[in-house]
C-alpha atoms as a PDB file:
ATOM      1  CA  MET A   1     209.739 -87.911 117.390  1.00  0.00           C
ATOM      2  CA  ILE A   2     211.381 -87.556 113.940  1.00  0.00           C
ATOM      3  CA  GLN A   3     211.661 -84.290 112.003  1.00  0.00           C
ATOM      4  CA  LEU A   4     213.605 -83.415 108.880  1.00  0.00           C
ATOM      5  CA  HIS A   5     213.732 -79.743 107.907  1.00  0.00           C
ATOM      6  CA  ASN A   6     214.881 -78.852 104.369  1.00  0.00           C
ATOM      7  CA  VAL A   7     217.343 -81.751 104.359  1.00  0.00           C
ATOM      8  CA  SER A   8     219.628 -82.288 101.402  1.00  0.00           C
ATOM      9  CA  LEU A   9     222.577 -84.627 101.058  1.00  0.00           C
ATOM     10  CA  ALA A  10     225.075 -84.759  98.232  1.00  0.00           C
ATOM     11  CA  TYR A  11     227.664 -87.528  97.918  1.00  0.00           C
ATOM     12  CA  GLN A  12     229.366 -85.537  95.175  1.00  0.00           C
ATOM     13  CA  GLN A  13     229.215 -81.883  94.250  1.00  0.00           C
ATOM     14  CA  ASP A  14     226.951 -82.513  91.269  1.00  0.00           C
ATOM     15  CA  ALA A  15     224.905 -85.468  92.553  1.00  0.00           C
ATOM     16  CA  SER A  16     222.242 -85.151  95.241  1.00  0.00           C
ATOM     17  CA  ALA A  17     221.131 -88.277  97.097  1.00  0.00           C
ATOM     18  CA  LEU A  18     218.387 -86.316  98.883  1.00  0.00           C
ATOM     19  CA  ASN A  19     216.969 -82.938  97.941  1.00  0.00           C
ATOM     20  CA  ASN A  20     215.028 -80.606 100.265  1.00  0.00           C
ATOM     21  CA  ILE A  21     213.333 -83.292 102.366  1.00  0.00           C
ATOM     22  CA  ASN A  22     210.693 -82.147 104.858  1.00  0.00           C
ATOM     23  CA  LEU A  23     209.197 -84.931 106.944  1.00  0.00           C
ATOM     24  CA  LYS A  24     207.562 -85.305 110.349  1.00  0.00           C
ATOM     25  CA  ILE A  25     206.884 -88.659 111.994  1.00  0.00           C
ATOM     26  CA  GLY A  26     205.079 -88.537 115.311  1.00  0.00           C
ATOM     27  CA  LYS A  27     205.689 -90.648 118.385  1.00  0.00           C
ATOM     28  CA  GLY A  28     204.133 -94.079 117.943  1.00  0.00           C
ATOM     29  CA  GLU A  29     203.569 -93.768 114.182  1.00  0.00           C
ATOM     30  CA  PHE A  30     204.162 -96.588 111.685  1.00  0.00           C
ATOM     31  CA  VAL A  31     205.466 -95.294 108.360  1.00  0.00           C
ATOM     32  CA  PHE A  32     206.568 -96.984 105.153  1.00  0.00           C
ATOM     33  CA  LEU A  33     209.179 -95.361 102.902  1.00  0.00           C
ATOM     34  CA  THR A  34     208.877 -96.562  99.338  1.00  0.00           C
ATOM     35  CA  GLY A  35     210.181 -95.750  95.894  1.00  0.00           C
ATOM     36  CA  PRO A  36     212.354 -97.306  93.179  1.00  0.00           C
ATOM     37  CA  SER A  37     215.931 -98.430  93.742  1.00  0.00           C
ATOM     38  CA  GLY A  38     218.171 -95.399  94.144  1.00  0.00           C
ATOM     39  CA  ALA A  39     215.308 -93.175  95.313  1.00  0.00           C
ATOM     40  CA  GLY A  40     217.069 -92.370  98.584  1.00  0.00           C
ATOM     41  CA  LYS A  41     215.328 -94.681 101.064  1.00  0.00           C
ATOM     42  CA  THR A  42     218.481 -96.171 102.590  1.00  0.00           C
ATOM     43  CA  THR A  43     220.193 -92.783 102.656  1.00  0.00           C
ATOM     44  CA  LEU A  44     217.263 -91.323 104.563  1.00  0.00           C
ATOM     45  CA  LEU A  45     217.388 -94.118 107.136  1.00  0.00           C
ATOM     46  CA  ARG A  46     221.128 -93.632 107.573  1.00  0.00           C
ATOM     47  CA  LEU A  47     220.519 -89.980 108.373  1.00  0.00           C
ATOM     48  CA  LEU A  48     218.048 -90.988 111.073  1.00  0.00           C
ATOM     49  CA  TYR A  49     220.565 -93.058 113.031  1.00  0.00           C
ATOM     50  CA  GLY A  50     223.474 -90.709 112.529  1.00  0.00           C
ATOM     51  CA  ALA A  51     225.500 -92.690 109.998  1.00  0.00           C
ATOM     52  CA  LEU A  52     225.365 -89.715 107.613  1.00  0.00           C
ATOM     53  CA  THR A  53     225.252 -85.954 108.132  1.00  0.00           C
ATOM     54  CA  PRO A  54     223.127 -83.797 105.823  1.00  0.00           C
ATOM     55  CA  THR A  55     224.797 -81.324 103.503  1.00  0.00           C
ATOM     56  CA  ARG A  56     222.017 -78.865 104.375  1.00  0.00           C
ATOM     57  CA  GLY A  57     219.096 -78.827 106.773  1.00  0.00           C
ATOM     58  CA  GLU A  58     218.376 -80.356 110.162  1.00  0.00           C
ATOM     59  CA  VAL A  59     217.570 -83.867 111.378  1.00  0.00           C
ATOM     60  CA  VAL A  60     215.868 -83.929 114.781  1.00  0.00           C
ATOM     61  CA  ILE A  61     215.381 -87.243 116.583  1.00  0.00           C
ATOM     62  CA  ASP A  62     213.582 -87.325 119.937  1.00  0.00           C
ATOM     63  CA  SER A  63     214.252 -83.589 120.411  1.00  0.00           C
ATOM     64  CA  GLN A  64     217.953 -83.956 119.598  1.00  0.00           C
ATOM     65  CA  ASN A  65     219.393 -82.193 116.572  1.00  0.00           C
ATOM     66  CA  VAL A  66     221.431 -85.042 115.095  1.00  0.00           C
ATOM     67  CA  SER A  67     222.978 -82.677 112.550  1.00  0.00           C
ATOM     68  CA  ARG A  68     224.780 -80.861 115.363  1.00  0.00           C
ATOM     69  CA  LEU A  69     225.644 -83.753 117.658  1.00  0.00           C
ATOM     70  CA  PRO A  70     229.387 -84.377 118.119  1.00  0.00           C
ATOM     71  CA  LEU A  71     230.517 -87.804 116.950  1.00  0.00           C
ATOM     72  CA  SER A  72     231.089 -88.859 120.557  1.00  0.00           C
ATOM     73  CA  GLN A  73     227.347 -88.478 121.264  1.00  0.00           C
ATOM     74  CA  ILE A  74     226.055 -90.519 118.307  1.00  0.00           C
ATOM     75  CA  PRO A  75     226.424 -93.893 120.121  1.00  0.00           C
ATOM     76  CA  TYR A  76     224.204 -92.568 122.926  1.00  0.00           C
ATOM     77  CA  LEU A  77     221.558 -91.501 120.402  1.00  0.00           C
ATOM     78  CA  ARG A  78     221.599 -94.988 118.893  1.00  0.00           C
ATOM     79  CA  ARG A  79     220.801 -96.598 122.239  1.00  0.00           C
ATOM     80  CA  SER A  80     217.167 -95.607 121.710  1.00  0.00           C
ATOM     81  CA  ILE A  81     217.084 -96.684 118.053  1.00  0.00           C
ATOM     82  CA  GLY A  82     216.813-100.256 116.789  1.00  0.00           C
ATOM     83  CA  VAL A  83     218.084-100.830 113.236  1.00  0.00           C
ATOM     84  CA  VAL A  84     217.429-103.814 110.969  1.00  0.00           C
ATOM     85  CA  PHE A  85     219.896-103.733 108.091  1.00  0.00           C
ATOM     86  CA  GLN A  86     219.163-105.103 104.633  1.00  0.00           C
ATOM     87  CA  ASP A  87     222.113-107.520 104.887  1.00  0.00           C
ATOM     88  CA  PHE A  88     221.441-108.296 108.597  1.00  0.00           C
ATOM     89  CA  LYS A  89     225.028-107.444 109.736  1.00  0.00           C
ATOM     90  CA  LEU A  90     225.105-110.358 112.174  1.00  0.00           C
ATOM     91  CA  LEU A  91     228.416-111.248 113.818  1.00  0.00           C
ATOM     92  CA  GLN A  92     229.315-114.480 112.050  1.00  0.00           C
ATOM     93  CA  SER A  93     231.604-115.814 114.783  1.00  0.00           C
ATOM     94  CA  ARG A  94     228.983-115.362 117.528  1.00  0.00           C
ATOM     95  CA  THR A  95     225.920-117.410 118.379  1.00  0.00           C
ATOM     96  CA  VAL A  96     222.331-116.255 118.008  1.00  0.00           C
ATOM     97  CA  PHE A  97     222.224-115.557 121.751  1.00  0.00           C
ATOM     98  CA  GLU A  98     225.455-113.547 121.637  1.00  0.00           C
ATOM     99  CA  ASN A  99     224.317-111.524 118.599  1.00  0.00           C
ATOM    100  CA  VAL A 100     221.203-110.388 120.454  1.00  0.00           C
ATOM    101  CA  ALA A 101     222.720-110.044 123.926  1.00  0.00           C
ATOM    102  CA  ILE A 102     225.412-107.642 122.701  1.00  0.00           C
ATOM    103  CA  THR A 103     222.824-104.844 122.545  1.00  0.00           C
ATOM    104  CA  LEU A 104     222.157-105.185 126.274  1.00  0.00           C
ATOM    105  CA  GLU A 105     225.840-105.611 127.110  1.00  0.00           C
ATOM    106  CA  VAL A 106     226.585-102.246 125.498  1.00  0.00           C
ATOM    107  CA  LEU A 107     223.821-100.705 127.620  1.00  0.00           C
ATOM    108  CA  GLY A 108     225.423-102.083 130.791  1.00  0.00           C
ATOM    109  CA  TRP A 109     222.758-104.623 131.784  1.00  0.00           C
ATOM    110  CA  GLY A 110     223.629-107.255 134.374  1.00  0.00           C
ATOM    111  CA  ARG A 111     224.428-110.790 133.244  1.00  0.00           C
ATOM    112  CA  ALA A 112     221.300-112.406 134.685  1.00  0.00           C
ATOM    113  CA  ASP A 113     218.999-109.769 133.198  1.00  0.00           C
ATOM    114  CA  ILE A 114     220.724-110.086 129.834  1.00  0.00           C
ATOM    115  CA  GLY A 115     220.119-113.837 129.784  1.00  0.00           C
ATOM    116  CA  LYS A 116     216.468-113.499 130.781  1.00  0.00           C
ATOM    117  CA  LYS A 117     215.648-110.683 128.341  1.00  0.00           C
ATOM    118  CA  THR A 118     217.552-112.237 125.441  1.00  0.00           C
ATOM    119  CA  MET A 119     215.826-115.603 125.752  1.00  0.00           C
ATOM    120  CA  HIS A 120     212.476-113.838 126.096  1.00  0.00           C
ATOM    121  CA  ILE A 121     212.881-111.970 122.805  1.00  0.00           C
ATOM    122  CA  LEU A 122     214.192-115.105 121.045  1.00  0.00           C
ATOM    123  CA  LYS A 123     211.081-116.946 122.204  1.00  0.00           C
ATOM    124  CA  GLN A 124     208.899-114.134 120.872  1.00  0.00           C
ATOM    125  CA  MET A 125     210.644-114.507 117.509  1.00  0.00           C
ATOM    126  CA  GLY A 126     210.189-118.286 117.541  1.00  0.00           C
ATOM    127  CA  ILE A 127     213.926-119.010 117.418  1.00  0.00           C
ATOM    128  CA  GLU A 128     214.765-119.802 121.049  1.00  0.00           C
ATOM    129  CA  SER A 129     215.814-123.335 120.037  1.00  0.00           C
ATOM    130  CA  LYS A 130     218.498-121.820 117.759  1.00  0.00           C
ATOM    131  CA  TYR A 131     220.135-119.770 120.526  1.00  0.00           C
ATOM    132  CA  ASN A 132     223.457-121.641 120.383  1.00  0.00           C
ATOM    133  CA  LEU A 133     223.866-121.693 116.593  1.00  0.00           C
ATOM    134  CA  VAL A 134     226.021-119.348 114.536  1.00  0.00           C
ATOM    135  CA  PRO A 135     224.351-117.374 111.685  1.00  0.00           C
ATOM    136  CA  GLN A 136     225.776-119.603 108.925  1.00  0.00           C
ATOM    137  CA  ARG A 137     223.613-122.465 110.192  1.00  0.00           C
ATOM    138  CA  LEU A 138     220.376-120.474 109.927  1.00  0.00           C
ATOM    139  CA  SER A 139     218.000-119.902 107.034  1.00  0.00           C
ATOM    140  CA  GLY A 140     217.522-116.390 105.633  1.00  0.00           C
ATOM    141  CA  GLY A 141     214.251-116.034 107.502  1.00  0.00           C
ATOM    142  CA  GLU A 142     215.859-117.132 110.765  1.00  0.00           C
ATOM    143  CA  GLN A 143     218.728-114.687 110.312  1.00  0.00           C
ATOM    144  CA  GLN A 144     216.193-111.930 109.743  1.00  0.00           C
ATOM    145  CA  ARG A 145     214.505-112.826 113.040  1.00  0.00           C
ATOM    146  CA  VAL A 146     217.843-112.643 114.852  1.00  0.00           C
ATOM    147  CA  ALA A 147     218.424-109.185 113.374  1.00  0.00           C
ATOM    148  CA  LEU A 148     214.942-108.157 114.515  1.00  0.00           C
ATOM    149  CA  ALA A 149     215.502-109.582 117.990  1.00  0.00           C
ATOM    150  CA  ARG A 150     218.752-107.624 118.303  1.00  0.00           C
ATOM    151  CA  ALA A 151     216.987-104.413 117.227  1.00  0.00           C
ATOM    152  CA  LEU A 152     214.027-104.887 119.583  1.00  0.00           C
ATOM    153  CA  VAL A 153     215.587-106.485 122.670  1.00  0.00           C
ATOM    154  CA  ASN A 154     215.945-103.173 124.527  1.00  0.00           C
ATOM    155  CA  ASP A 155     212.447-101.907 123.572  1.00  0.00           C
ATOM    156  CA  PRO A 156     213.757 -98.964 121.510  1.00  0.00           C
ATOM    157  CA  LYS A 157     211.818 -95.759 121.018  1.00  0.00           C
ATOM    158  CA  ILE A 158     212.395 -96.005 117.272  1.00  0.00           C
ATOM    159  CA  LEU A 159     212.743 -99.010 114.956  1.00  0.00           C
ATOM    160  CA  LEU A 160     214.261 -98.496 111.486  1.00  0.00           C
ATOM    161  CA  ALA A 161     214.215-101.328 108.947  1.00  0.00           C
ATOM    162  CA  ASP A 162     215.772-101.351 105.469  1.00  0.00           C
ATOM    163  CA  GLU A 163     214.101-103.772 103.018  1.00  0.00           C
ATOM    164  CA  PRO A 164     213.440-106.263 105.849  1.00  0.00           C
ATOM    165  CA  THR A 165     211.473-108.752 103.742  1.00  0.00           C
ATOM    166  CA  GLY A 166     213.457-108.666 100.520  1.00  0.00           C
ATOM    167  CA  ASN A 167     214.450-112.350 100.438  1.00  0.00           C
ATOM    168  CA  LEU A 168     211.543-113.884 102.366  1.00  0.00           C
ATOM    169  CA  ASP A 169     208.552-115.882 101.222  1.00  0.00           C
ATOM    170  CA  ASP A 170     205.003-114.605 101.805  1.00  0.00           C
ATOM    171  CA  ALA A 171     204.532-116.501 105.074  1.00  0.00           C
ATOM    172  CA  ASN A 172     207.727-115.072 106.562  1.00  0.00           C
ATOM    173  CA  LYS A 173     206.892-111.590 105.256  1.00  0.00           C
ATOM    174  CA  ASN A 174     203.563-111.656 107.070  1.00  0.00           C
ATOM    175  CA  GLN A 175     205.218-112.841 110.292  1.00  0.00           C
ATOM    176  CA  ILE A 176     207.825-110.077 110.130  1.00  0.00           C
ATOM    177  CA  LEU A 177     205.093-107.496 109.508  1.00  0.00           C
ATOM    178  CA  ALA A 178     203.205-108.827 112.537  1.00  0.00           C
ATOM    179  CA  ILE A 179     206.343-108.361 114.674  1.00  0.00           C
ATOM    180  CA  PHE A 180     206.649-104.748 113.496  1.00  0.00           C
ATOM    181  CA  LYS A 181     203.004-104.116 114.336  1.00  0.00           C
ATOM    182  CA  GLU A 182     203.389-105.633 117.805  1.00  0.00           C
ATOM    183  CA  ALA A 183     206.368-103.373 118.509  1.00  0.00           C
ATOM    184  CA  ASN A 184     204.360-100.415 117.272  1.00  0.00           C
ATOM    185  CA  VAL A 185     201.444-101.280 119.558  1.00  0.00           C
ATOM    186  CA  ARG A 186     203.882-101.275 122.491  1.00  0.00           C
ATOM    187  CA  GLY A 187     204.792 -97.676 121.633  1.00  0.00           C
ATOM    188  CA  THR A 188     207.777 -97.979 119.276  1.00  0.00           C
ATOM    189  CA  THR A 189     207.846 -95.588 116.328  1.00  0.00           C
ATOM    190  CA  VAL A 190     208.413 -97.774 113.236  1.00  0.00           C
ATOM    191  CA  VAL A 191     209.904 -96.687 109.905  1.00  0.00           C
ATOM    192  CA  VAL A 192     210.260 -99.363 107.211  1.00  0.00           C
ATOM    193  CA  ALA A 193     211.921 -98.765 103.837  1.00  0.00           C
ATOM    194  CA  THR A 194     210.594-101.179 101.230  1.00  0.00           C
ATOM    195  CA  HIS A 195     209.601-101.526  97.594  1.00  0.00           C
ATOM    196  CA  ASP A 196     207.367-104.510  98.437  1.00  0.00           C
ATOM    197  CA  ARG A 197     203.927-103.304  97.329  1.00  0.00           C
ATOM    198  CA  ARG A 198     202.137-106.337  98.752  1.00  0.00           C
ATOM    199  CA  LEU A 199     203.598-105.655 102.177  1.00  0.00           C
ATOM    200  CA  ILE A 200     202.441-102.045 101.984  1.00  0.00           C
ATOM    201  CA  TYR A 201     198.987-103.018 100.762  1.00  0.00           C
ATOM    202  CA  ASN A 202     198.475-105.484 103.612  1.00  0.00           C
ATOM    203  CA  SER A 203     199.566-103.028 106.304  1.00  0.00           C
ATOM    204  CA  HIS A 204     197.271-100.011 105.783  1.00  0.00           C
ATOM    205  CA  LYS A 205     199.865 -97.654 107.291  1.00  0.00           C
ATOM    206  CA  ARG A 206     201.114 -94.195 106.334  1.00  0.00           C
ATOM    207  CA  LEU A 207     203.168 -94.193 103.146  1.00  0.00           C
ATOM    208  CA  VAL A 208     205.913 -91.762 102.118  1.00  0.00           C
ATOM    209  CA  THR A 209     207.090 -92.104  98.510  1.00  0.00           C
ATOM    210  CA  LEU A 210     210.546 -91.020  97.344  1.00  0.00           C
ATOM    211  CA  THR A 211     211.687 -90.519  93.763  1.00  0.00           C
ATOM    212  CA  LYS A 212     215.164 -89.309  92.794  1.00  0.00           C
ATOM    213  CA  GLY A 213     215.882 -88.108  96.316  1.00  0.00           C
ATOM    214  CA  GLU A 214     212.665 -86.127  96.723  1.00  0.00           C
ATOM    215  CA  ILE A 215     209.399 -86.834  98.523  1.00  0.00           C
ATOM    216  CA  VAL A 216     206.680 -86.967  95.887  1.00  0.00           C
ATOM    217  CA  GLU A 217     203.783 -88.238  98.031  1.00  0.00           C
ATOM    218  CA  GLN A 218     202.798 -88.452 101.677  1.00  0.00           C
ATOM    219  CA  MET A 219     199.492 -90.190 102.237  1.00  0.00           C
ATOM    220  CA  GLU A 220     197.665 -91.737 105.165  1.00  0.00           C
ATOM    221  CA  LYS A 221     196.727 -95.356 104.511  1.00  0.00           C
ATOM    222  CA  GLU A 222     197.595 -95.002 100.836  1.00  0.00           C
ATOM    223  CA  ALA A 223     197.762 -98.784 100.757  1.00  0.00           C
ATOM    224  CA  HIS A 224     193.986 -98.834 100.333  1.00  0.00           C
ATOM    225  CA  ASN A 225     194.483 -97.304  96.894  1.00  0.00           C
ATOM    226  CA  ILE A 226     197.144 -99.734  95.701  1.00  0.00           C
ATOM    227  CA  ASP A 227     195.965-102.351  93.265  1.00  0.00           C
ATOM    228  CA  HIS A 228     196.153-105.592  95.233  1.00  0.00           C
ATOM    229  CA  THR A 229     196.898-107.502  92.039  1.00  0.00           C
ATOM    230  CA  LEU A 230     200.376-105.965  91.860  1.00  0.00           C
END
């Protein structure tokens, strides 16, 4: 599903954001990316949805070599990828319903189907009563759920999330993790970038650790070995 072959990316000639990354994530896997701030987690995610192009190497998503796709084809690639951004990136002038429905509008869904599917996902997220509110009137946790609903409304093949629980309390963190797991059970490949060690420990999923733009560890269920007192 996701393959990176000898991928490097340099923002400047003498500064590498990623260095010789080799990574394979199979269809239906759930993987955490972790590491300190500046390790390259966000950069790696941006490569996966075509926002960046590697300086060297190949990025293959669902059998498509993203590194070689013309810019005109990137939007079509993204139709099968749901992205949850660290700062949500909700449209502030649009309602909760409109923020989520826009994903289906872009895909050309009919109006009735858009309404039905959008309200269904909002109900799953527990925010259907907020459908007519704009983001400014929501709590941080509610805004995060809207961002998740927008990413998941079209049942994407891949879900990418960048620090999705950074500003949430423990109860909301656990609920967000449960939503990720439900999507994964339905067949979505999930990749979550986080430095939240408690979240990782509670998940028991594959863990890929980055440091200074390089992968230093890839372990199955490494969370079992993390001190739960952290």
